[in-house]
């Protein structure tokens, strides 16, 4: 598993890369419902969500833009962890 350090904090590179992919290129530049679900699918790919994956998801929520529905889905998924 690869990591990236941002502002002195360690995050999972795969999740950051996925968030960047979902907010650049085609589309409105915001994370949608399906893209939010995609982020959680990636985070849950192992035995469970690690502390670094959780920190990365929280970083993504605070840093990237979401559609209203995407934000609602993301927040609901995050609260279940």
Protein backbone atom coordinates (compact mmCIF):
# COMPACT_ATOMS: atom_id res chain seq x y z
CA UNK A 1 0.00 0.00 0.00
CA UNK A 2 1.37 3.38 -0.99
CA UNK A 3 1.03 6.52 1.07
CA UNK A 4 1.33 10.23 0.47
CA UNK A 5 2.19 12.89 3.04
CA UNK A 6 0.22 16.13 2.93
CA UNK A 7 0.90 18.88 5.47
CA UNK A 8 2.77 16.36 7.63
CA UNK A 9 -0.11 13.84 7.67
CA UNK A 10 0.02 10.38 6.09
CA UNK A 11 -2.82 9.42 3.75
CA UNK A 12 -3.56 6.49 1.45
CA UNK A 13 -2.39 7.40 -2.05
CA UNK A 14 -4.98 5.24 -3.83
CA UNK A 15 -7.89 7.09 -2.19
CA UNK A 16 -6.34 10.51 -2.85
CA UNK A 17 -5.72 9.56 -6.49
CA UNK A 18 -9.32 8.39 -6.80
CA UNK A 19 -10.65 11.66 -5.37
CA UNK A 20 -8.48 13.63 -7.80
CA UNK A 21 -9.71 11.47 -10.69
CA UNK A 22 -13.33 12.08 -9.69
CA UNK A 23 -12.89 15.86 -9.47
CA UNK A 24 -10.85 16.50 -12.63
CA UNK A 25 -11.49 15.86 -16.30
CA UNK A 26 -15.03 15.42 -17.51
CA UNK A 27 -17.99 16.14 -15.30
CA UNK A 28 -18.80 18.94 -12.91
CA UNK A 29 -15.62 18.60 -10.84
CA UNK A 30 -17.50 17.41 -7.78
CA UNK A 31 -17.76 13.98 -6.18
CA UNK A 32 -21.15 12.43 -7.02
CA UNK A 33 -23.11 9.67 -5.27
CA UNK A 34 -21.55 6.92 -7.39
CA UNK A 35 -18.07 8.38 -6.91
CA UNK A 36 -18.58 8.63 -3.14
CA UNK A 37 -19.60 4.96 -3.11
CA UNK A 38 -16.52 4.18 -5.19
CA UNK A 39 -14.27 5.83 -2.57
CA UNK A 40 -15.79 3.73 0.21
CA UNK A 41 -15.53 0.57 -1.87
CA UNK A 42 -11.82 1.26 -2.27
CA UNK A 43 -11.39 2.00 1.45
CA UNK A 44 -13.14 -1.24 2.42
CA UNK A 45 -11.00 -3.41 0.13
CA UNK A 46 -9.14 -5.15 2.97
CA UNK A 47 -9.98 -6.50 6.41
CA UNK A 48 -11.70 -3.22 7.25
CA UNK A 49 -11.05 0.48 7.14
CA UNK A 50 -7.68 1.31 8.67
CA UNK A 51 -6.93 4.44 10.69
CA UNK A 52 -5.04 5.89 7.71
CA UNK A 53 -7.94 5.13 5.37
CA UNK A 54 -10.33 6.81 7.82
CA UNK A 55 -8.07 9.86 8.06
CA UNK A 56 -7.88 9.93 4.26
CA UNK A 57 -11.65 9.80 3.88
CA UNK A 58 -12.01 12.68 6.36
CA UNK A 59 -9.34 14.64 4.49
CA UNK A 60 -11.16 14.04 1.20
CA UNK A 61 -14.46 15.22 2.73
CA UNK A 62 -12.87 18.45 3.93
CA UNK A 63 -10.80 19.14 0.82
CA UNK A 64 -12.77 18.12 -2.25
CA UNK A 65 -16.09 19.40 -3.52
CA UNK A 66 -19.17 17.17 -3.55
CA UNK A 67 -22.56 17.38 -5.17
CA UNK A 68 -25.29 17.75 -2.54
CA UNK A 69 -26.34 14.13 -3.01
CA UNK A 70 -22.71 12.99 -3.06
CA UNK A 71 -22.04 14.77 0.22
CA UNK A 72 -25.11 13.20 1.83
CA UNK A 73 -24.07 9.72 0.68
CA UNK A 74 -20.46 10.23 1.76
CA UNK A 75 -21.46 11.53 5.22
CA UNK A 76 -23.86 8.62 5.73
CA UNK A 77 -21.19 6.07 4.77
CA UNK A 78 -18.61 7.80 6.99
CA UNK A 79 -20.94 7.77 9.99
CA UNK A 80 -21.37 3.99 9.62
CA UNK A 81 -17.65 3.33 10.05
